[in-house]
Amino acid sequence: MLDNSVAQFSERQALSFVGGKALTYAEVGVITHQLMVWMSENGIKKGDRVALLSQNMPHWGVAYLAITGMGAVVVPILVDFSEVELNKILAHSESKAILVSEKLSAKINAELPAAITFGLLLDDMSPIDLNLLKAEKRIERLGKLKAVVETTEFAKPSEEDLAAILYTSGTTGNPKGVMLSHRNLISNAINTLGIQNVDTTDRLLSVLPLPHTYECTIGFIIPFMSGATVYYLDKPPTASVLLPAMKQVKPTMMLTVPLIMEKIYNLQVKPKLHNSKMMRSMMKLRFMRRMFHKLAGKKIYQAFGGHLHFFGIGGAKLSADTEQFLCDAGFPYAIGYGLTETAPLLAGCAPSLTKFRSTGFNLPNQEIKIINPDQHGEGEIVAKGPNVMMGYYKDPAQTAEVFTQDGWFKTGDLGVLDKDGYLYIKGRLKNMILGPSGENIYPEEIEALINGEDLVLESLVYEMKGQLIAKVHLNYEELERRYQHAKESATEYKDKMSKAVDEKLQEIRDKVNSTLNRFSRITNVEEQPVPFEKTPTQKIKRFLYSKHNDLKH
């Protein structure tokens, strides 16, 4: 792929910071080769693990291609991991070198495994003194990568060789590394191109962490394979950074997690459409709702640069009211479904084929099916294909647990397939709650209803002592705007706001319960005054809250 793209698209722009000078495909080829020669001279050979610790940047992709291109194994590390987690991952993966960005170099410490004998600073591709960095947190460059004139031959990896080990979550126990082969990654890229075309006219703005295989495969490998240009932000993707970037780049494609669009809808669109009784009444009429959503959607589309033809959403379940808004607005969104273990995409579709609340259909040359379905056809989603991982690194027991006897990978997700082959996700198998008479209760579905209520930003439903409890985080800014009056004392204001919150929580409980079956009804709705803690892909860390309540009670 690297050789083909460099030859085919040599003068085209490949990777760039927004507002920066882009690396052409030819330049990526040159720097990649220099890096491969340098690693080889320092003893890295086929099969050796090399760690990659950096925020999103053009040189992240260069490093990824250099490591895998010479047959070594890349270990991309999430920037959120602590120093302790980082060192555990480096030791577990038996990495021999680390390529690190200046921003994250402070995480290199005295506990760095002894097996890592050399390092490189990604920002300017300069070798660095790791011992000095470990001891004094000071970066000293040891020259530059030399220009390579002669052609150095490297051991070509075969498609069955290990390409990457991905550690998806921090842990205080044994790290779990997903092993993906060259075949896993490239087949998934090719199969994804079977449902959504990407070509040389496309511009992608990359905002999700590259160590996640969602962004790496779909937001980096696929565009590089197709001659497109990928742009990166040099600051975190806050609204003040993101909006000017989109205006400048005018992206044609973007990958996001639900939280990004949910925030825009909940904080900017929803309050304006529900800020009076008259507006709330009008929004209940379908044709009025669609008209208002279309107007708001057009403004957001223009704010996003006005050229999007693919706005991909994945990583977690999108709230129903946000999706209804996107659907009414005619926004070019598509929802995909997959896991790190499946490199990642299992199901998806082009925006023109999106079905409300579905994650699309299975990709060409890959299979998904439902096992042990109940009377409604709901059961665990299993997958088979060239994209399914090799296993968990150094963990044959856990690897065996996630495969059926006939070789299907068990996703741990519950879903149902409709007559047209579209997949609908119900929730995680481990999150499912058994009702009093053995009924299946999916907390994610109840949360989707709660999140659709006025003034709700996010929620979490869990079971405690046989009862369903909902924690709800409200839009306090909008709540204050509605209830605050100038001639109030601080005490009066505090009492009134407290009463307004209590009334809102009771209203949510009553309204949501009126639409739920008897065994799924919520006993208590509690206030969550601060946003929930989340994973790097912006999923709520459920275990923190259920564990907290188990201890408390």
Protein backbone atom coordinates (compact mmCIF):
# COMPACT_ATOMS: atom_id res chain seq x y z
CA MET A 1 0.00 0.00 0.00
CA LEU A 2 2.79 2.42 0.95
CA ASP A 3 4.75 1.81 -2.28
CA ASN A 4 1.62 1.96 -4.45
CA SER A 5 0.33 5.22 -2.95
CA VAL A 6 3.74 6.94 -3.05
CA ALA A 7 4.13 5.99 -6.75
CA GLN A 8 0.54 6.69 -7.79
CA PHE A 9 -0.09 9.97 -5.92
CA SER A 10 3.50 11.25 -5.53
CA GLU A 11 2.84 14.99 -6.00
CA ARG A 12 -0.49 15.05 -4.16
CA GLN A 13 -0.81 16.31 -0.58
CA ALA A 14 -1.00 13.44 1.89
CA LEU A 15 -0.76 14.61 5.53
CA SER A 16 -0.86 18.11 7.00
CA PHE A 17 -1.54 20.23 10.04
CA VAL A 18 -4.40 22.68 9.43
CA GLY A 19 -2.71 25.83 8.16
CA GLY A 20 0.66 24.06 7.86
CA LYS A 21 2.76 22.86 4.94
CA ALA A 22 1.51 19.47 3.76
CA LEU A 23 3.70 16.43 3.22
CA THR A 24 3.21 15.08 -0.29
CA TYR A 25 2.96 11.33 -0.85
CA ALA A 26 6.50 11.41 -2.29
CA GLU A 27 7.80 13.18 0.85
CA VAL A 28 6.05 10.63 3.07
CA GLY A 29 7.85 7.92 1.08
CA VAL A 30 11.26 9.57 1.57
CA ILE A 31 10.91 10.20 5.34
CA THR A 32 9.39 6.76 5.90
CA HIS A 33 12.39 5.15 4.20
CA GLN A 34 14.86 7.26 6.24
CA LEU A 35 13.13 6.16 9.45
CA MET A 36 13.17 2.50 8.39
CA VAL A 37 16.93 2.68 7.72
CA TRP A 38 17.57 4.37 11.09
CA MET A 39 15.54 1.73 12.98
CA SER A 40 17.31 -1.04 11.09
CA GLU A 41 20.73 0.41 11.95
CA ASN A 42 19.66 0.43 15.61
CA GLY A 43 18.82 -3.26 15.54
CA ILE A 44 15.07 -3.24 14.79
CA LYS A 45 14.19 -6.18 12.59
CA LYS A 46 11.08 -7.94 11.35
CA GLY A 47 8.74 -8.87 14.22
CA ASP A 48 10.23 -6.43 16.78
CA ARG A 49 7.79 -4.19 18.61
CA VAL A 50 8.14 -0.40 18.39
CA ALA A 51 5.97 1.90 20.56
CA LEU A 52 4.34 5.03 19.15
CA LEU A 53 3.30 7.68 21.69
CA SER A 54 2.01 10.92 20.19
CA GLN A 55 -0.99 13.14 19.71
CA ASN A 56 -2.40 13.26 16.14
CA MET A 57 0.13 14.72 13.69
CA PRO A 58 1.40 14.01 10.15
CA HIS A 59 4.53 12.27 11.50
CA TRP A 60 2.34 9.82 13.48
CA GLY A 61 1.26 8.31 10.14
CA VAL A 62 4.83 8.39 8.79
CA ALA A 63 6.05 6.47 11.86
CA TYR A 64 3.18 3.94 11.61
CA LEU A 65 4.02 3.25 7.95
CA ALA A 66 7.76 2.99 8.63
CA ILE A 67 7.36 0.49 11.47
CA THR A 68 4.87 -1.75 9.67
CA GLY A 69 6.57 -1.28 6.28
CA MET A 70 9.79 -2.89 7.48
CA GLY A 71 7.93 -5.83 9.02
CA ALA A 72 8.19 -4.60 12.61
CA VAL A 73 5.11 -4.36 14.86
CA VAL A 74 3.65 -0.98 15.82
CA VAL A 75 2.32 -0.47 19.37
CA PRO A 76 0.22 2.73 19.19
CA ILE A 77 -0.40 4.10 22.70
CA LEU A 78 -3.31 6.30 23.76
CA VAL A 79 -2.25 9.71 25.07
CA ASP A 80 -4.62 9.36 28.07
CA PHE A 81 -2.68 6.51 29.63
CA SER A 82 -0.81 7.32 32.84
CA GLU A 83 2.94 6.79 33.21
CA VAL A 84 2.27 3.57 35.16
CA GLU A 85 -0.05 2.23 32.43
CA LEU A 86 2.42 3.29 29.74
CA ASN A 87 5.26 1.36 31.35
CA LYS A 88 3.08 -1.74 31.84
CA ILE A 89 2.13 -1.67 28.15
CA LEU A 90 5.73 -1.17 27.05
CA ALA A 91 6.87 -4.09 29.23
CA HIS A 92 3.97 -6.36 28.19
CA SER A 93 4.50 -5.67 24.48
CA GLU A 94 8.30 -6.08 24.86
CA SER A 95 8.83 -2.93 22.80
CA LYS A 96 12.46 -2.22 21.84
CA ALA A 97 12.13 1.45 20.89
CA ILE A 98 9.76 4.36 21.42
CA LEU A 99 8.85 7.11 18.95
CA VAL A 100 7.40 9.97 20.99
CA SER A 101 6.14 13.54 20.50
CA GLU A 102 7.57 16.43 22.48
CA LYS A 103 4.19 17.07 24.16
CA LEU A 104 4.13 13.55 25.60
CA SER A 105 7.85 13.10 26.25
CA ALA A 106 7.30 14.00 29.95
CA LYS A 107 5.67 10.56 30.36
CA ILE A 108 9.05 8.91 29.77
CA ASN A 109 10.39 8.22 33.27
CA ALA A 110 12.93 6.22 35.25
CA GLU A 111 10.63 3.17 35.24
CA LEU A 112 10.83 2.86 31.44
CA PRO A 113 11.55 -0.84 30.69
CA ALA A 114 15.25 -1.57 30.12
CA ALA A 115 14.40 -3.34 26.83
CA ILE A 116 13.73 0.10 25.26
CA THR A 117 17.21 1.25 24.32
CA PHE A 118 16.59 4.15 21.93
CA GLY A 119 14.00 6.76 21.02
CA LEU A 120 13.06 9.34 18.44
CA LEU A 121 11.28 12.70 18.70
CA LEU A 122 8.46 12.67 16.15
CA ASP A 123 8.05 16.45 15.84
CA ASP A 124 11.25 16.86 13.83
CA MET A 125 12.21 13.20 13.35
CA SER A 126 15.39 13.48 15.45
CA PRO A 127 16.92 10.66 17.55
CA ILE A 128 17.01 11.55 21.27
CA ASP A 129 18.90 10.61 24.43
CA LEU A 130 16.42 8.45 26.36
CA ASN A 131 18.61 8.23 29.49
CA LEU A 132 18.64 12.01 29.85
CA LEU A 133 14.89 12.16 29.26
CA LYS A 134 14.29 9.48 31.91
CA ALA A 135 16.50 11.22 34.46
CA GLU A 136 15.97 14.94 33.86
CA LYS A 137 12.91 15.18 31.58
CA ARG A 138 15.18 17.11 29.22
CA ILE A 139 15.24 16.45 25.48
CA GLU A 140 18.63 16.22 23.80
CA ARG A 141 18.69 15.56 20.08
CA LEU A 142 21.33 13.19 18.76
CA GLY A 143 21.58 14.51 15.21
CA LYS A 144 19.12 13.96 12.37
CA LEU A 145 17.99 11.08 10.22
CA LYS A 146 20.47 10.76 7.39
CA ALA A 147 19.47 11.22 3.79
CA VAL A 148 19.11 7.84 2.11
CA VAL A 149 20.31 7.62 -1.47
CA GLU A 150 20.87 3.90 -1.86
CA THR A 151 17.91 1.53 -1.82
CA THR A 152 17.94 -0.54 1.34
CA GLU A 153 16.06 -3.81 1.14
CA PHE A 154 13.85 -4.75 4.08
CA ALA A 155 12.13 -8.01 4.91
CA LYS A 156 8.69 -7.72 3.33
CA PRO A 157 5.90 -8.56 5.74
CA SER A 158 3.39 -11.16 4.60
CA GLU A 159 -0.31 -10.53 5.04
CA GLU A 160 -0.54 -13.04 7.90
CA ASP A 161 2.24 -11.31 9.90
CA LEU A 162 1.45 -9.29 13.01
CA ALA A 163 1.25 -5.56 12.15
CA ALA A 164 -0.05 -3.88 15.31
CA ILE A 165 -0.78 -4.54 18.98
CA LEU A 166 -3.49 -2.24 20.35
CA TYR A 167 -4.12 -1.71 24.05
CA THR A 168 -7.64 -0.34 24.24
CA SER A 169 -8.02 0.59 27.90
CA GLY A 170 -5.87 1.42 30.85
CA THR A 171 -5.70 -1.19 33.58
CA THR A 172 -4.04 -1.82 36.91
CA GLY A 173 -4.01 -5.55 36.16
CA ASN A 174 -2.64 -7.31 33.08
CA PRO A 175 -2.83 -5.23 29.88
CA LYS A 176 -4.92 -6.67 27.04
CA GLY A 177 -3.33 -6.24 23.63
CA VAL A 178 -5.36 -6.86 20.47
CA MET A 179 -3.18 -8.38 17.73
CA LEU A 180 -4.03 -7.21 14.21
CA SER A 181 -2.30 -8.60 11.15
CA HIS A 182 -1.56 -6.77 7.89
CA ARG A 183 -4.40 -8.78 6.38
CA ASN A 184 -6.82 -7.72 9.14
CA LEU A 185 -6.15 -4.01 8.56
CA ILE A 186 -5.83 -3.86 4.78
CA SER A 187 -8.77 -6.21 4.10
CA ASN A 188 -10.98 -4.05 6.34
CA ALA A 189 -9.86 -0.92 4.49
CA ILE A 190 -10.64 -2.52 1.11
CA ASN A 191 -13.98 -3.89 2.34
CA THR A 192 -14.97 -0.49 3.76
CA LEU A 193 -14.23 1.10 0.37
CA GLY A 194 -16.82 -1.36 -0.96
CA ILE A 195 -19.59 0.61 0.79
CA GLN A 196 -18.18 4.17 0.71
CA ASN A 197 -15.86 5.55 -1.94
CA VAL A 198 -12.86 7.75 -1.04
CA ASP A 199 -10.73 9.36 -3.77
CA THR A 200 -8.15 12.07 -4.53
CA THR A 201 -10.74 14.86 -4.23
CA ASP A 202 -11.42 14.04 -0.55
CA ARG A 203 -10.19 16.08 2.40
CA LEU A 204 -10.49 14.53 5.87
CA LEU A 205 -10.24 16.45 9.13
CA SER A 206 -8.95 14.01 11.76
CA VAL A 207 -10.18 14.71 15.31
CA LEU A 208 -10.30 11.26 16.97
CA PRO A 209 -7.20 9.61 18.54
CA LEU A 210 -5.13 7.79 15.89
CA PRO A 211 -4.16 4.92 18.26
CA HIS A 212 -7.82 3.83 18.04
CA THR A 213 -8.23 1.51 15.09
CA TYR A 214 -11.48 3.33 14.13
CA GLU A 215 -9.55 6.49 13.28
CA CYS A 216 -6.41 4.64 12.15
CA THR A 217 -8.05 2.33 9.59
CA ILE A 218 -10.87 4.55 8.34
CA GLY A 219 -9.33 7.98 8.92
CA PHE A 220 -5.73 7.23 7.94
CA ILE A 221 -5.14 3.94 6.07
CA ILE A 222 -8.16 4.31 3.75
CA PRO A 223 -7.43 7.93 2.69
CA PHE A 224 -3.72 7.11 2.24
CA MET A 225 -4.69 4.15 0.09
CA SER A 226 -6.98 6.40 -1.97
CA GLY A 227 -4.82 9.49 -2.55
CA ALA A 228 -6.88 11.76 -0.27
CA THR A 229 -5.50 14.45 2.09
CA VAL A 230 -5.77 14.20 5.89
CA TYR A 231 -5.56 17.30 8.10
CA TYR A 232 -4.72 17.36 11.81
CA LEU A 233 -5.27 19.95 14.53
CA ASP A 234 -2.29 21.10 16.59
CA LYS A 235 -4.61 21.79 19.57
CA PRO A 236 -7.43 19.82 21.25
CA PRO A 237 -10.65 19.86 19.14
CA THR A 238 -12.64 22.44 21.13
CA ALA A 239 -15.30 24.44 19.28
CA SER A 240 -13.01 27.52 19.11
CA VAL A 241 -10.34 25.42 17.34
CA LEU A 242 -12.57 23.10 15.33
CA LEU A 243 -14.91 25.61 13.65
CA PRO A 244 -12.16 27.82 12.12
CA ALA A 245 -10.34 24.64 11.02
CA MET A 246 -13.43 23.33 9.23
CA LYS A 247 -13.95 26.71 7.58
CA GLN A 248 -10.35 26.60 6.31
CA VAL A 249 -10.12 22.92 5.27
CA LYS A 250 -13.73 22.54 4.04
CA PRO A 251 -13.58 18.79 4.74
CA THR A 252 -15.50 16.40 2.54
CA MET A 253 -15.32 13.62 5.15
CA MET A 254 -15.12 13.41 8.94
CA LEU A 255 -15.19 10.66 11.56
CA THR A 256 -16.64 11.47 14.97
CA VAL A 257 -18.04 9.90 18.11
CA PRO A 258 -21.68 10.59 19.11
CA LEU A 259 -20.70 13.06 21.84
CA ILE A 260 -19.52 15.69 19.32
CA MET A 261 -22.86 15.99 17.50
CA GLU A 262 -24.87 15.40 20.70
CA LYS A 263 -23.14 18.39 22.31
CA ILE A 264 -23.91 20.61 19.31
CA TYR A 265 -27.55 19.51 19.31
CA ASN A 266 -28.07 19.67 23.09
CA LEU A 267 -26.27 22.97 23.67
CA GLN A 268 -27.02 24.92 20.50
CA VAL A 269 -30.02 23.51 18.64
CA LYS A 270 -32.34 21.98 21.24
CA PRO A 271 -32.49 24.96 23.66
CA LYS A 272 -33.54 27.33 20.85
CA LEU A 273 -36.25 24.95 19.65
CA HIS A 274 -37.64 24.29 23.14
CA ASN A 275 -37.23 27.65 24.87
CA SER A 276 -40.94 28.52 25.02
CA LYS A 277 -44.23 26.68 25.41
CA MET A 278 -45.25 27.72 21.90
CA MET A 279 -42.02 26.34 20.37
CA ARG A 280 -42.36 23.11 22.33
CA SER A 281 -45.92 22.71 21.05
CA MET A 282 -44.87 23.42 17.45
CA MET A 283 -42.04 20.90 17.70
CA LYS A 284 -44.60 18.17 18.44
CA LEU A 285 -45.98 18.61 14.91
CA ARG A 286 -43.88 16.47 12.58
CA PHE A 287 -43.83 18.86 9.63
CA MET A 288 -42.87 21.81 11.87
CA ARG A 289 -40.15 19.78 13.58
CA ARG A 290 -38.68 18.79 10.23
CA MET A 291 -38.76 22.37 8.97
CA PHE A 292 -36.97 23.76 12.05
CA HIS A 293 -34.46 20.89 12.02
CA LYS A 294 -33.72 21.49 8.34
CA LEU A 295 -33.02 25.19 8.96
CA ALA A 296 -30.75 24.45 11.95
CA GLY A 297 -29.02 21.61 10.09
CA LYS A 298 -28.23 23.86 7.14
CA LYS A 299 -26.44 26.32 9.46
CA ILE A 300 -24.38 23.54 11.05
CA TYR A 301 -23.52 22.10 7.62
CA GLN A 302 -22.19 25.50 6.53
CA ALA A 303 -20.29 25.91 9.83
CA PHE A 304 -18.64 22.54 9.04
CA GLY A 305 -17.26 23.99 5.80
CA GLY A 306 -20.22 23.29 3.50
CA HIS A 307 -18.58 20.42 1.54
CA LEU A 308 -19.25 17.31 3.66
CA HIS A 309 -20.56 14.25 1.83
CA PHE A 310 -19.72 11.76 4.60
CA PHE A 311 -20.04 12.39 8.34
CA GLY A 312 -19.26 9.07 10.04
CA ILE A 313 -20.38 8.38 13.61
CA GLY A 314 -19.16 5.40 15.63
CA GLY A 315 -17.65 4.25 18.91
CA ALA A 316 -20.87 4.42 20.95
CA LYS A 317 -24.64 4.71 20.45
CA LEU A 318 -25.95 8.02 19.10
CA SER A 319 -28.93 9.41 21.02
CA ALA A 320 -32.26 9.06 19.22
CA ASP A 321 -33.17 12.76 19.35
CA THR A 322 -29.80 13.80 17.88
CA GLU A 323 -30.18 11.25 15.10
CA GLN A 324 -33.75 12.43 14.44
CA PHE A 325 -32.34 15.95 14.03
CA LEU A 326 -29.66 14.76 11.56
CA CYS A 327 -32.24 12.71 9.68
CA ASP A 328 -34.75 15.60 9.41
CA ALA A 329 -31.95 18.00 8.42
CA GLY A 330 -30.80 15.78 5.56
CA PHE A 331 -27.29 15.80 7.05
CA PRO A 332 -24.95 13.33 5.25
CA TYR A 333 -24.39 11.15 8.31
CA ALA A 334 -23.71 7.43 8.48
CA ILE A 335 -23.43 5.24 11.58
CA GLY A 336 -20.95 2.38 11.69
CA TYR A 337 -20.35 -0.48 14.09
CA GLY A 338 -17.18 -2.37 14.92
CA LEU A 339 -14.55 -3.23 17.49
CA THR A 340 -10.77 -3.01 17.82
CA GLU A 341 -10.79 -6.82 17.48
CA THR A 342 -12.37 -6.52 14.00
CA ALA A 343 -9.92 -3.91 12.63
CA PRO A 344 -12.54 -2.22 13.21
CA LEU A 345 -15.58 -1.98 10.92
CA LEU A 346 -18.21 -4.75 10.85
CA ALA A 347 -21.27 -2.88 9.64
CA GLY A 348 -21.95 0.48 8.02
CA CYS A 349 -23.32 2.15 4.89
CA ALA A 350 -23.11 5.29 2.78
CA PRO A 351 -25.18 8.28 4.03
CA SER A 352 -27.70 7.79 1.20
CA LEU A 353 -28.52 4.30 2.59
CA THR A 354 -28.67 5.16 6.31
CA LYS A 355 -31.69 3.77 8.18
CA PHE A 356 -32.86 5.48 11.37
CA ARG A 357 -31.36 3.79 14.51
CA SER A 358 -29.44 1.20 12.43
CA THR A 359 -25.67 0.82 12.09
CA GLY A 360 -25.97 -0.33 8.47
CA PHE A 361 -25.25 -3.76 7.00
CA ASN A 362 -22.25 -6.08 7.07
CA LEU A 363 -19.29 -5.15 4.86
CA PRO A 364 -18.54 -7.07 1.63
CA ASN A 365 -16.35 -10.17 2.21
CA GLN A 366 -17.12 -10.18 5.94
CA GLU A 367 -19.91 -11.93 7.82
CA ILE A 368 -22.03 -11.13 10.84
CA LYS A 369 -24.88 -13.11 12.36
CA ILE A 370 -26.95 -13.33 15.56
CA ILE A 371 -26.50 -16.33 17.85
CA ASN A 372 -28.90 -17.55 20.55
CA PRO A 373 -31.68 -15.15 19.46
CA ASP A 374 -34.74 -14.68 21.69
CA GLN A 375 -38.34 -14.52 20.46
CA HIS A 376 -37.68 -11.02 19.05
CA GLY A 377 -34.59 -12.12 17.11
CA GLU A 378 -32.26 -10.39 19.56
CA GLY A 379 -29.02 -12.13 20.47
CA GLU A 380 -25.24 -11.79 20.51
CA ILE A 381 -23.57 -10.45 17.37
CA VAL A 382 -20.77 -12.70 16.09
CA ALA A 383 -18.40 -12.06 13.19
CA LYS A 384 -16.14 -13.92 10.80
CA GLY A 385 -13.82 -12.65 8.08
CA PRO A 386 -10.28 -11.60 7.16
CA ASN A 387 -10.64 -8.58 9.47
CA VAL A 388 -11.04 -10.60 12.71
CA MET A 389 -8.00 -10.32 15.01
CA MET A 390 -5.28 -12.91 15.49
CA GLY A 391 -6.02 -12.93 19.23
CA TYR A 392 -4.96 -11.23 22.45
CA TYR A 393 -1.19 -10.89 22.86
CA LYS A 394 0.23 -13.50 25.28
CA ASP A 395 -3.28 -14.50 26.37
CA PRO A 396 -4.49 -17.71 24.68
CA ALA A 397 -7.08 -18.34 27.41
CA GLN A 398 -8.86 -15.02 26.90
CA THR A 399 -8.53 -15.43 23.13
CA ALA A 400 -10.28 -18.82 23.30
CA GLU A 401 -13.11 -17.29 25.37
CA VAL A 402 -14.12 -14.85 22.64
CA PHE A 403 -14.39 -17.39 19.82
CA THR A 404 -17.12 -19.99 19.27
CA GLN A 405 -16.10 -23.59 18.58
CA ASP A 406 -16.65 -23.05 14.86
CA GLY A 407 -14.49 -19.90 14.74
CA TRP A 408 -16.93 -16.98 15.04
CA PHE A 409 -15.74 -13.98 17.06
CA LYS A 410 -18.14 -13.09 19.89
CA THR A 411 -18.52 -9.30 20.03
CA GLY A 412 -20.23 -9.15 23.43
CA ASP A 413 -22.86 -6.86 21.84
CA LEU A 414 -26.54 -7.64 21.54
CA GLY A 415 -28.35 -6.86 18.32
CA VAL A 416 -30.96 -7.81 15.77
CA LEU A 417 -30.88 -8.00 11.95
CA ASP A 418 -33.92 -6.84 9.95
CA LYS A 419 -35.17 -8.49 6.74
CA ASP A 420 -32.90 -6.22 4.65
CA GLY A 421 -29.79 -7.21 6.61
CA TYR A 422 -29.54 -3.95 8.55
CA LEU A 423 -28.08 -4.30 12.05
CA TYR A 424 -29.62 -2.68 15.14
CA ILE A 425 -27.53 -2.61 18.33
CA LYS A 426 -29.41 -3.22 21.58
CA GLY A 427 -26.53 -2.87 24.04
CA ARG A 428 -23.61 -4.68 25.65
CA LEU A 429 -24.25 -8.23 26.85
CA LYS A 430 -22.49 -7.45 30.13
CA ASN A 431 -24.67 -4.33 30.64
CA MET A 432 -27.94 -6.17 30.07
CA ILE A 433 -30.11 -6.39 33.19
CA LEU A 434 -32.39 -9.35 33.86
CA GLY A 435 -35.88 -8.27 34.91
CA PRO A 436 -37.83 -9.85 37.80
CA SER A 437 -39.24 -12.57 35.55
CA GLY A 438 -36.17 -13.04 33.35
CA GLU A 439 -36.94 -10.20 30.92
CA ASN A 440 -34.04 -8.56 29.03
CA ILE A 441 -33.62 -4.90 29.98
CA TYR A 442 -31.18 -2.81 27.91
CA PRO A 443 -30.01 0.26 29.86
CA GLU A 444 -28.76 1.89 26.64
CA GLU A 445 -32.33 1.97 25.27
CA ILE A 446 -33.70 3.61 28.43
CA GLU A 447 -30.84 6.12 28.35
CA ALA A 448 -31.72 6.98 24.74
CA LEU A 449 -35.25 7.88 25.90
CA ILE A 450 -33.97 9.95 28.84
CA ASN A 451 -31.45 11.77 26.62
CA GLY A 452 -34.31 12.80 24.34
CA GLU A 453 -35.95 14.79 27.14
CA ASP A 454 -35.68 18.57 27.30
CA LEU A 455 -32.65 19.87 29.29
CA VAL A 456 -30.93 16.43 29.47
CA LEU A 457 -27.30 16.24 28.29
CA GLU A 458 -26.44 12.65 29.27
CA SER A 459 -27.62 9.82 31.51
CA LEU A 460 -26.68 6.45 32.94
CA VAL A 461 -29.05 3.63 33.97
CA TYR A 462 -28.01 0.79 36.29
CA GLU A 463 -29.54 -1.76 38.63
CA MET A 464 -29.29 -1.58 42.41
CA LYS A 465 -31.01 -4.04 44.77
CA GLY A 466 -33.46 -5.09 42.05
CA GLN A 467 -34.41 -1.51 41.14
CA LEU A 468 -33.50 0.60 38.11
CA ILE A 469 -31.76 3.87 38.93
CA ALA A 470 -31.03 6.67 36.43
CA LYS A 471 -28.35 9.30 36.94
CA VAL A 472 -28.97 12.41 34.81
CA HIS A 473 -26.65 15.31 33.93
CA LEU A 474 -28.68 18.39 32.98
CA ASN A 475 -28.00 21.44 30.82
CA TYR A 476 -27.46 23.81 33.75
CA GLU A 477 -26.64 26.78 31.53
CA GLU A 478 -30.05 26.57 29.85
CA LEU A 479 -31.76 25.84 33.19
CA GLU A 480 -30.30 29.04 34.66
CA ARG A 481 -31.31 31.05 31.61
CA ARG A 482 -34.93 29.93 32.00
CA TYR A 483 -35.25 30.36 35.75
CA GLN A 484 -32.92 33.20 36.71
CA HIS A 485 -34.42 36.61 37.55
CA ALA A 486 -32.53 39.77 38.43
CA LYS A 487 -34.22 40.73 41.72
CA GLU A 488 -33.45 37.58 43.68
CA SER A 489 -31.14 37.00 46.61
CA ALA A 490 -28.54 34.26 46.33
CA THR A 491 -30.51 32.09 48.79
CA GLU A 492 -33.79 32.54 46.90
CA TYR A 493 -32.07 31.74 43.62
CA LYS A 494 -30.38 28.62 45.04
CA ASP A 495 -33.69 27.34 46.51
CA LYS A 496 -35.53 27.97 43.26
CA MET A 497 -32.88 26.24 41.16
CA SER A 498 -32.85 23.25 43.53
CA LYS A 499 -36.64 23.01 43.25
CA ALA A 500 -36.46 23.33 39.44
CA VAL A 501 -33.93 20.47 39.25
CA ASP A 502 -36.08 18.24 41.50
CA GLU A 503 -39.17 18.96 39.42
CA LYS A 504 -37.27 18.27 36.19
CA LEU A 505 -35.97 14.92 37.47
CA GLN A 506 -39.50 13.91 38.54
CA GLU A 507 -40.87 14.99 35.15
CA ILE A 508 -38.20 12.90 33.36
CA ARG A 509 -39.08 9.85 35.47
CA ASP A 510 -42.82 10.19 34.82
CA LYS A 511 -42.50 10.86 31.07
CA VAL A 512 -39.97 8.09 30.40
CA ASN A 513 -41.84 5.54 32.53
CA SER A 514 -45.08 6.29 30.64
CA THR A 515 -43.42 4.94 27.46
CA LEU A 516 -41.69 1.91 29.02
CA ASN A 517 -43.01 -1.57 29.73
CA ARG A 518 -43.64 -2.42 33.39
CA PHE A 519 -40.37 -4.27 34.07
CA SER A 520 -38.17 -1.52 32.51
CA ARG A 521 -39.52 1.37 34.57
CA ILE A 522 -37.14 3.56 36.57
CA THR A 523 -37.53 3.68 40.35
CA ASN A 524 -35.39 6.78 40.96
CA VAL A 525 -33.91 9.55 38.82
CA GLU A 526 -30.90 11.14 40.54
CA GLU A 527 -28.96 14.26 39.66
CA GLN A 528 -25.42 13.87 38.28
CA PRO A 529 -24.12 17.42 38.89
CA VAL A 530 -20.91 17.03 36.84
CA PRO A 531 -20.35 15.29 33.47
CA PHE A 532 -19.72 11.53 33.64
CA GLU A 533 -16.13 10.31 33.38
CA LYS A 534 -15.46 8.92 29.92
CA THR A 535 -13.07 6.71 27.98
CA PRO A 536 -10.92 8.18 25.15
CA THR A 537 -13.74 7.27 22.71
CA GLN A 538 -16.16 9.23 24.93
CA LYS A 539 -18.12 6.28 26.31
CA ILE A 540 -19.24 6.69 29.92
CA LYS A 541 -17.12 4.58 32.29
CA ARG A 542 -20.10 2.62 33.64
CA PHE A 543 -18.09 0.53 36.10
CA LEU A 544 -17.10 3.65 38.06
CA TYR A 545 -20.71 4.50 38.88
CA SER A 546 -22.14 1.04 39.51
CA LYS A 547 -19.08 0.21 41.66
CA HIS A 548 -19.46 3.50 43.56
CA ASN A 549 -23.08 2.76 44.32
CA ASP A 550 -22.39 -0.84 45.33
CA LEU A 551 -19.87 0.47 47.87
CA LYS A 552 -22.14 3.23 49.04
CA HIS A 553 -25.07 0.92 49.67
